[in-house]
Amino acid sequence: MAVEFQLMLAGEIALDEMALLAAPNAVETRTASGNRMLTSALNEECGFVVDITGGRHGYYEAEDDDGSLWVWEPETYVDIGFYMRKDVLVDRGIPNVLATTARVLNERTEDAVLLFNHDLLLLTRVAGNLRKHRPTWWSHYAADDQIAQP
């Protein structure tokens, strides 16, 4: 079974620009619906495969800290999906996902969100304000200092 993280940024962002930050060696392919996608298998180096897609009229929902439903509907967006096996989650997967997320957030200013397995809200950045959700998740993986407010 795979573990997934999604980093989404609101706005009209060129996929090639995002690939420079998240997966410099990404190659172009197509999604099942025919949309452009950049992908890179970084299993050896980072422990994950990354896919970068964009779209319009996005809809994301996840469970917030208190169990309430959090919803985000960006008009345009870029979605960076990280997919890894459970056996690399702790040693390579999470540290490299968070390092990539930090790099993207430090270079870009758009509103952003990080989800775990499509249903747990880990991080939001709205109007420049970064907020980590699920403090026990961050402390469990010793990741409290992995992403800081730029």
N, C-alpha and C. Protein backbone atom coordinates (compact mmCIF):
# COMPACT_ATOMS: atom_id res chain seq x y z
N MET A 1 0.84 -1.18 0.00
CA MET A 1 0.00 0.00 0.00
C MET A 1 0.89 1.24 0.00
N ALA A 2 0.51 2.23 -0.77
CA ALA A 2 1.28 3.47 -0.88
C ALA A 2 0.79 4.51 0.12
N VAL A 3 1.68 5.39 0.46
CA VAL A 3 1.37 6.54 1.28
C VAL A 3 1.48 7.75 0.37
N GLU A 4 0.58 8.71 0.53
CA GLU A 4 0.57 9.86 -0.36
C GLU A 4 0.54 11.17 0.40
N PHE A 5 1.23 12.14 -0.14
CA PHE A 5 1.17 13.53 0.31
C PHE A 5 0.79 14.36 -0.90
N GLN A 6 0.05 15.43 -0.68
CA GLN A 6 -0.29 16.38 -1.74
C GLN A 6 0.06 17.77 -1.26
N LEU A 7 0.83 18.47 -2.07
CA LEU A 7 1.11 19.88 -1.84
C LEU A 7 0.43 20.64 -2.97
N MET A 8 -0.49 21.52 -2.62
CA MET A 8 -1.20 22.30 -3.62
C MET A 8 -0.92 23.78 -3.40
N LEU A 9 -0.75 24.49 -4.51
CA LEU A 9 -0.59 25.93 -4.47
C LEU A 9 -1.67 26.55 -5.34
N ALA A 10 -2.29 27.60 -4.85
CA ALA A 10 -3.33 28.30 -5.61
C ALA A 10 -2.68 29.21 -6.63
N GLY A 11 -3.30 29.31 -7.78
CA GLY A 11 -2.84 30.25 -8.79
C GLY A 11 -2.47 29.58 -10.09
N GLU A 12 -2.25 30.42 -11.06
CA GLU A 12 -1.86 29.98 -12.40
C GLU A 12 -0.33 29.91 -12.42
N ILE A 13 0.21 28.74 -12.20
CA ILE A 13 1.64 28.54 -12.08
C ILE A 13 2.08 27.57 -13.16
N ALA A 14 3.12 27.91 -13.88
CA ALA A 14 3.63 27.03 -14.93
C ALA A 14 4.17 25.74 -14.31
N LEU A 15 3.76 24.61 -14.85
CA LEU A 15 4.22 23.33 -14.32
C LEU A 15 5.74 23.21 -14.38
N ASP A 16 6.34 23.76 -15.43
CA ASP A 16 7.80 23.69 -15.56
C ASP A 16 8.49 24.45 -14.43
N GLU A 17 7.93 25.58 -14.01
CA GLU A 17 8.49 26.32 -12.88
C GLU A 17 8.41 25.50 -11.61
N MET A 18 7.29 24.83 -11.40
CA MET A 18 7.13 24.01 -10.21
C MET A 18 8.06 22.82 -10.25
N ALA A 19 8.25 22.24 -11.43
CA ALA A 19 9.15 21.09 -11.54
C ALA A 19 10.58 21.46 -11.18
N LEU A 20 11.01 22.67 -11.49
CA LEU A 20 12.36 23.09 -11.11
C LEU A 20 12.57 23.03 -9.61
N LEU A 21 11.52 23.27 -8.85
CA LEU A 21 11.61 23.24 -7.39
C LEU A 21 11.37 21.85 -6.81
N ALA A 22 10.46 21.09 -7.40
CA ALA A 22 10.03 19.83 -6.80
C ALA A 22 10.66 18.59 -7.42
N ALA A 23 10.94 18.64 -8.70
CA ALA A 23 11.47 17.46 -9.41
C ALA A 23 12.14 17.91 -10.70
N PRO A 24 13.38 18.42 -10.59
CA PRO A 24 14.05 19.02 -11.76
C PRO A 24 14.18 18.11 -12.97
N ASN A 25 14.19 16.81 -12.79
CA ASN A 25 14.33 15.89 -13.92
C ASN A 25 13.01 15.30 -14.38
N ALA A 26 11.92 15.95 -14.03
CA ALA A 26 10.60 15.44 -14.39
C ALA A 26 10.43 15.40 -15.90
N VAL A 27 9.70 14.40 -16.36
CA VAL A 27 9.39 14.25 -17.77
C VAL A 27 7.90 14.48 -17.99
N GLU A 28 7.59 14.91 -19.18
CA GLU A 28 6.19 15.21 -19.49
C GLU A 28 5.45 13.94 -19.90
N THR A 29 4.24 13.83 -19.41
CA THR A 29 3.34 12.75 -19.76
C THR A 29 1.91 13.31 -19.71
N ARG A 30 0.93 12.47 -19.71
CA ARG A 30 -0.47 12.90 -19.66
C ARG A 30 -1.21 12.15 -18.58
N THR A 31 -2.19 12.81 -17.97
CA THR A 31 -3.06 12.15 -17.01
C THR A 31 -4.04 11.27 -17.77
N ALA A 32 -4.82 10.48 -17.05
CA ALA A 32 -5.82 9.63 -17.67
C ALA A 32 -6.84 10.45 -18.47
N SER A 33 -7.08 11.70 -18.01
CA SER A 33 -8.04 12.55 -18.73
C SER A 33 -7.38 13.36 -19.85
N GLY A 34 -6.08 13.15 -20.07
CA GLY A 34 -5.39 13.82 -21.17
C GLY A 34 -4.72 15.14 -20.82
N ASN A 35 -4.77 15.55 -19.56
CA ASN A 35 -4.13 16.79 -19.15
C ASN A 35 -2.62 16.59 -19.01
N ARG A 36 -1.89 17.66 -19.16
CA ARG A 36 -0.44 17.62 -19.05
C ARG A 36 -0.02 17.30 -17.61
N MET A 37 1.00 16.45 -17.48
CA MET A 37 1.53 16.10 -16.16
C MET A 37 3.05 15.95 -16.29
N LEU A 38 3.76 16.43 -15.28
CA LEU A 38 5.19 16.19 -15.20
C LEU A 38 5.41 15.18 -14.08
N THR A 39 6.27 14.19 -14.32
CA THR A 39 6.47 13.13 -13.35
C THR A 39 7.94 12.76 -13.24
N SER A 40 8.32 12.29 -12.06
CA SER A 40 9.69 11.86 -11.84
C SER A 40 9.71 10.78 -10.78
N ALA A 41 10.40 9.68 -11.08
CA ALA A 41 10.58 8.59 -10.12
C ALA A 41 11.86 8.86 -9.33
N LEU A 42 11.69 9.35 -8.12
CA LEU A 42 12.84 9.69 -7.27
C LEU A 42 12.96 8.68 -6.12
N ASN A 43 12.61 7.44 -6.39
CA ASN A 43 12.61 6.41 -5.35
C ASN A 43 13.97 6.24 -4.69
N GLU A 44 15.01 6.14 -5.46
CA GLU A 44 16.35 5.92 -4.88
C GLU A 44 16.84 7.12 -4.08
N GLU A 45 16.70 8.31 -4.64
CA GLU A 45 17.21 9.51 -3.99
C GLU A 45 16.33 9.99 -2.83
N CYS A 46 15.02 9.98 -3.05
CA CYS A 46 14.10 10.62 -2.11
C CYS A 46 13.07 9.68 -1.49
N GLY A 47 12.90 8.51 -2.07
CA GLY A 47 11.91 7.57 -1.53
C GLY A 47 10.52 7.75 -2.08
N PHE A 48 10.35 8.55 -3.13
CA PHE A 48 9.01 8.76 -3.67
C PHE A 48 9.01 9.00 -5.16
N VAL A 49 7.82 8.89 -5.73
CA VAL A 49 7.53 9.32 -7.09
C VAL A 49 6.75 10.61 -6.96
N VAL A 50 7.01 11.58 -7.81
CA VAL A 50 6.30 12.86 -7.74
C VAL A 50 5.60 13.12 -9.08
N ASP A 51 4.35 13.57 -9.00
CA ASP A 51 3.57 13.98 -10.17
C ASP A 51 3.15 15.42 -9.96
N ILE A 52 3.26 16.22 -11.01
CA ILE A 52 2.88 17.63 -10.94
C ILE A 52 1.83 17.89 -12.00
N THR A 53 0.67 18.35 -11.56
CA THR A 53 -0.44 18.65 -12.47
C THR A 53 -1.00 20.03 -12.11
N GLY A 54 -1.78 20.56 -12.99
CA GLY A 54 -2.46 21.83 -12.74
C GLY A 54 -3.90 21.74 -13.16
N GLY A 55 -4.67 22.70 -12.71
CA GLY A 55 -6.06 22.67 -13.10
C GLY A 55 -6.82 23.92 -12.70
N ARG A 56 -8.11 23.85 -12.96
CA ARG A 56 -9.03 24.94 -12.63
C ARG A 56 -10.17 24.37 -11.80
N HIS A 57 -10.79 25.25 -11.03
CA HIS A 57 -11.94 24.89 -10.21
C HIS A 57 -11.63 23.70 -9.31
N GLY A 58 -10.57 23.86 -8.51
CA GLY A 58 -10.15 22.80 -7.61
C GLY A 58 -11.09 22.63 -6.43
N TYR A 59 -11.07 21.45 -5.88
CA TYR A 59 -11.84 21.18 -4.67
C TYR A 59 -11.04 20.19 -3.83
N TYR A 60 -10.70 20.62 -2.63
CA TYR A 60 -9.97 19.77 -1.70
C TYR A 60 -10.68 19.81 -0.36
N GLU A 61 -10.75 18.67 0.28
CA GLU A 61 -11.31 18.62 1.62
C GLU A 61 -10.46 17.66 2.45
N ALA A 62 -10.39 17.96 3.75
CA ALA A 62 -9.61 17.13 4.66
C ALA A 62 -10.11 17.35 6.07
N GLU A 63 -9.69 16.48 6.95
CA GLU A 63 -10.06 16.60 8.35
C GLU A 63 -9.08 17.53 9.05
N ASP A 64 -9.60 18.55 9.73
CA ASP A 64 -8.80 19.51 10.47
C ASP A 64 -8.46 18.93 11.84
N ASP A 65 -7.68 19.66 12.63
CA ASP A 65 -7.22 19.21 13.95
C ASP A 65 -8.36 18.74 14.85
N ASP A 66 -9.46 19.46 14.82
CA ASP A 66 -10.56 19.15 15.73
C ASP A 66 -11.59 18.18 15.14
N GLY A 67 -11.25 17.58 13.99
CA GLY A 67 -12.15 16.64 13.36
C GLY A 67 -13.16 17.27 12.42
N SER A 68 -13.15 18.60 12.32
CA SER A 68 -14.08 19.27 11.42
C SER A 68 -13.58 19.16 9.97
N LEU A 69 -14.49 19.36 9.05
CA LEU A 69 -14.16 19.28 7.63
C LEU A 69 -13.60 20.62 7.16
N TRP A 70 -12.40 20.60 6.62
CA TRP A 70 -11.76 21.77 6.04
C TRP A 70 -11.94 21.67 4.53
N VAL A 71 -12.34 22.74 3.86
CA VAL A 71 -12.56 22.74 2.42
C VAL A 71 -11.83 23.91 1.79
N TRP A 72 -11.24 23.66 0.64
CA TRP A 72 -10.51 24.70 -0.11
C TRP A 72 -10.88 24.54 -1.58
N GLU A 73 -11.26 25.65 -2.23
CA GLU A 73 -11.68 25.61 -3.62
C GLU A 73 -10.93 26.67 -4.43
N PRO A 74 -9.66 26.43 -4.75
CA PRO A 74 -8.92 27.41 -5.54
C PRO A 74 -9.42 27.47 -6.98
N GLU A 75 -9.48 28.66 -7.52
CA GLU A 75 -9.92 28.83 -8.91
C GLU A 75 -8.94 28.13 -9.87
N THR A 76 -7.64 28.37 -9.67
CA THR A 76 -6.60 27.66 -10.42
C THR A 76 -5.59 27.15 -9.40
N TYR A 77 -4.87 26.09 -9.77
CA TYR A 77 -3.97 25.47 -8.81
C TYR A 77 -2.92 24.61 -9.51
N VAL A 78 -1.88 24.30 -8.76
CA VAL A 78 -0.90 23.28 -9.12
C VAL A 78 -0.90 22.28 -7.99
N ASP A 79 -0.91 21.01 -8.33
CA ASP A 79 -0.96 19.92 -7.38
C ASP A 79 0.33 19.10 -7.54
N ILE A 80 1.08 18.97 -6.45
CA ILE A 80 2.28 18.14 -6.45
C ILE A 80 1.98 16.93 -5.59
N GLY A 81 1.94 15.77 -6.21
CA GLY A 81 1.63 14.54 -5.50
C GLY A 81 2.88 13.72 -5.26
N PHE A 82 3.07 13.29 -4.01
CA PHE A 82 4.21 12.46 -3.62
C PHE A 82 3.66 11.09 -3.24
N TYR A 83 4.20 10.03 -3.83
CA TYR A 83 3.73 8.67 -3.60
C TYR A 83 4.91 7.81 -3.17
N MET A 84 4.76 7.11 -2.04
CA MET A 84 5.86 6.30 -1.54
C MET A 84 5.35 5.02 -0.90
N ARG A 85 6.25 4.06 -0.78
CA ARG A 85 5.94 2.83 -0.06
C ARG A 85 6.07 3.10 1.43
N LYS A 86 5.33 2.36 2.23
CA LYS A 86 5.37 2.53 3.69
C LYS A 86 6.75 2.25 4.27
N ASP A 87 7.50 1.34 3.66
CA ASP A 87 8.79 0.98 4.23
C ASP A 87 9.86 2.06 4.08
N VAL A 88 9.61 3.10 3.30
CA VAL A 88 10.57 4.21 3.19
C VAL A 88 10.02 5.49 3.81
N LEU A 89 8.84 5.41 4.39
CA LEU A 89 8.15 6.58 4.91
C LEU A 89 9.00 7.39 5.89
N VAL A 90 9.53 6.75 6.91
CA VAL A 90 10.22 7.47 7.98
C VAL A 90 11.63 7.88 7.59
N ASP A 91 12.41 6.97 7.01
CA ASP A 91 13.81 7.28 6.76
C ASP A 91 14.05 8.20 5.57
N ARG A 92 13.28 8.08 4.51
CA ARG A 92 13.50 8.93 3.34
C ARG A 92 12.26 9.71 2.91
N GLY A 93 11.10 9.08 2.96
CA GLY A 93 9.89 9.69 2.42
C GLY A 93 9.51 11.00 3.07
N ILE A 94 9.18 10.97 4.34
CA ILE A 94 8.73 12.19 5.02
C ILE A 94 9.81 13.28 5.03
N PRO A 95 11.06 12.97 5.39
CA PRO A 95 12.06 14.04 5.37
C PRO A 95 12.21 14.71 4.00
N ASN A 96 12.15 13.93 2.93
CA ASN A 96 12.31 14.51 1.59
C ASN A 96 11.05 15.23 1.10
N VAL A 97 9.87 14.73 1.47
CA VAL A 97 8.64 15.46 1.14
C VAL A 97 8.66 16.82 1.84
N LEU A 98 9.02 16.84 3.11
CA LEU A 98 9.04 18.10 3.85
C LEU A 98 10.14 19.04 3.35
N ALA A 99 11.28 18.50 2.96
CA ALA A 99 12.34 19.34 2.38
C ALA A 99 11.89 19.96 1.06
N THR A 100 11.21 19.17 0.25
CA THR A 100 10.69 19.68 -1.02
C THR A 100 9.60 20.71 -0.77
N THR A 101 8.72 20.43 0.18
CA THR A 101 7.65 21.38 0.53
C THR A 101 8.26 22.70 1.02
N ALA A 102 9.26 22.63 1.87
CA ALA A 102 9.93 23.85 2.36
C ALA A 102 10.55 24.63 1.21
N ARG A 103 11.20 23.94 0.29
CA ARG A 103 11.82 24.61 -0.86
C ARG A 103 10.77 25.32 -1.70
N VAL A 104 9.66 24.65 -1.97
CA VAL A 104 8.58 25.26 -2.76
C VAL A 104 8.00 26.47 -2.03
N LEU A 105 7.69 26.32 -0.75
CA LEU A 105 7.09 27.42 0.01
C LEU A 105 8.04 28.60 0.16
N ASN A 106 9.33 28.35 0.26
CA ASN A 106 10.30 29.44 0.38
C ASN A 106 10.46 30.20 -0.92
N GLU A 107 10.24 29.54 -2.05
CA GLU A 107 10.42 30.18 -3.36
C GLU A 107 9.13 30.78 -3.93
N ARG A 108 7.99 30.32 -3.44
CA ARG A 108 6.70 30.77 -3.95
C ARG A 108 5.92 31.45 -2.84
N THR A 109 4.99 32.32 -3.20
CA THR A 109 4.23 33.06 -2.19
C THR A 109 2.74 32.73 -2.18
N GLU A 110 2.30 31.86 -3.07
CA GLU A 110 0.88 31.56 -3.18
C GLU A 110 0.34 30.87 -1.92
N ASP A 111 -0.97 30.96 -1.75
CA ASP A 111 -1.63 30.16 -0.72
C ASP A 111 -1.34 28.69 -1.03
N ALA A 112 -1.19 27.89 0.04
CA ALA A 112 -0.80 26.50 -0.17
C ALA A 112 -1.38 25.62 0.92
N VAL A 113 -1.39 24.32 0.65
CA VAL A 113 -1.87 23.33 1.62
C VAL A 113 -1.08 22.04 1.42
N LEU A 114 -0.84 21.33 2.52
CA LEU A 114 -0.21 20.02 2.47
C LEU A 114 -1.15 19.02 3.13
N LEU A 115 -1.52 17.97 2.38
CA LEU A 115 -2.41 16.93 2.89
C LEU A 115 -1.66 15.60 2.97
N PHE A 116 -2.08 14.76 3.90
CA PHE A 116 -1.54 13.42 4.06
C PHE A 116 -2.64 12.43 3.71
N ASN A 117 -2.36 11.54 2.77
CA ASN A 117 -3.32 10.52 2.32
C ASN A 117 -4.68 11.10 1.94
N HIS A 118 -4.68 12.27 1.39
CA HIS A 118 -5.87 12.95 0.85
C HIS A 118 -6.92 13.31 1.89
N ASP A 119 -6.67 13.03 3.17
CA ASP A 119 -7.74 13.32 4.12
C ASP A 119 -7.30 13.96 5.43
N LEU A 120 -6.00 14.13 5.65
CA LEU A 120 -5.55 14.80 6.87
C LEU A 120 -4.82 16.08 6.52
N LEU A 121 -5.27 17.17 7.09
CA LEU A 121 -4.68 18.48 6.86
C LEU A 121 -3.44 18.63 7.73
N LEU A 122 -2.27 18.86 7.09
CA LEU A 122 -1.02 19.01 7.83
C LEU A 122 -0.53 20.45 7.89
N LEU A 123 -0.77 21.22 6.83
CA LEU A 123 -0.21 22.56 6.78
C LEU A 123 -1.04 23.43 5.84
N THR A 124 -1.22 24.68 6.22
CA THR A 124 -1.85 25.66 5.32
C THR A 124 -1.02 26.93 5.33
N ARG A 125 -1.04 27.62 4.21
CA ARG A 125 -0.49 28.97 4.14
C ARG A 125 -1.53 29.81 3.42
N VAL A 126 -2.08 30.78 4.16
CA VAL A 126 -3.11 31.66 3.62
C VAL A 126 -2.66 33.09 3.86
N ALA A 127 -2.63 33.88 2.79
CA ALA A 127 -2.22 35.29 2.87
C ALA A 127 -0.87 35.42 3.58
N GLY A 128 0.03 34.48 3.29
CA GLY A 128 1.38 34.54 3.86
C GLY A 128 1.53 33.96 5.24
N ASN A 129 0.44 33.59 5.89
CA ASN A 129 0.50 33.04 7.25
C ASN A 129 0.54 31.51 7.20
N LEU A 130 1.64 30.96 7.67
CA LEU A 130 1.83 29.52 7.69
C LEU A 130 1.29 28.94 8.99
N ARG A 131 0.52 27.86 8.88
CA ARG A 131 -0.01 27.20 10.07
C ARG A 131 0.15 25.69 9.92
N LYS A 132 0.79 25.09 10.89
CA LYS A 132 0.90 23.63 10.93
C LYS A 132 -0.29 23.09 11.71
N HIS A 133 -0.93 22.11 11.14
CA HIS A 133 -2.04 21.43 11.78
C HIS A 133 -1.53 20.09 12.30
N ARG A 134 -2.28 19.45 13.16
CA ARG A 134 -1.93 18.14 13.70
C ARG A 134 -0.56 18.13 14.36
N PRO A 135 -0.38 18.87 15.44
CA PRO A 135 0.93 18.95 16.10
C PRO A 135 1.49 17.59 16.51
N THR A 136 0.63 16.63 16.83
CA THR A 136 1.14 15.31 17.21
C THR A 136 1.78 14.59 16.02
N TRP A 137 1.29 14.83 14.82
CA TRP A 137 1.91 14.24 13.63
C TRP A 137 3.32 14.80 13.47
N TRP A 138 3.45 16.13 13.55
CA TRP A 138 4.76 16.77 13.38
C TRP A 138 5.74 16.29 14.44
N SER A 139 5.31 16.18 15.68
CA SER A 139 6.22 15.76 16.74
C SER A 139 6.54 14.26 16.63
N HIS A 140 5.56 13.45 16.23
CA HIS A 140 5.80 12.01 16.08
C HIS A 140 6.92 11.73 15.09
N TYR A 141 6.97 12.49 14.01
CA TYR A 141 8.00 12.30 12.99
C TYR A 141 9.20 13.22 13.19
N ALA A 142 9.28 13.86 14.37
CA ALA A 142 10.40 14.77 14.68
C ALA A 142 10.59 15.78 13.56
N ALA A 143 9.48 16.35 13.10
CA ALA A 143 9.51 17.25 11.95
C ALA A 143 9.09 18.67 12.31
N ASP A 144 9.03 18.98 13.61
CA ASP A 144 8.57 20.30 14.03
C ASP A 144 9.33 21.45 13.39
N ASP A 145 10.62 21.28 13.18
CA ASP A 145 11.42 22.37 12.63
C ASP A 145 11.71 22.22 11.13
N GLN A 146 11.06 21.27 10.48
CA GLN A 146 11.31 21.03 9.06
C GLN A 146 10.84 22.18 8.17
N ILE A 147 9.73 22.80 8.52
CA ILE A 147 9.18 23.89 7.70
C ILE A 147 8.93 25.06 8.63
N ALA A 148 9.55 26.18 8.30
CA ALA A 148 9.40 27.38 9.14
C ALA A 148 8.81 28.51 8.31
N GLN A 149 8.22 29.46 8.99
CA GLN A 149 7.70 30.65 8.33
C GLN A 149 8.87 31.37 7.66
N PRO A 150 8.78 31.62 6.35
CA PRO A 150 9.89 32.31 5.67
C PRO A 150 10.07 33.74 6.15
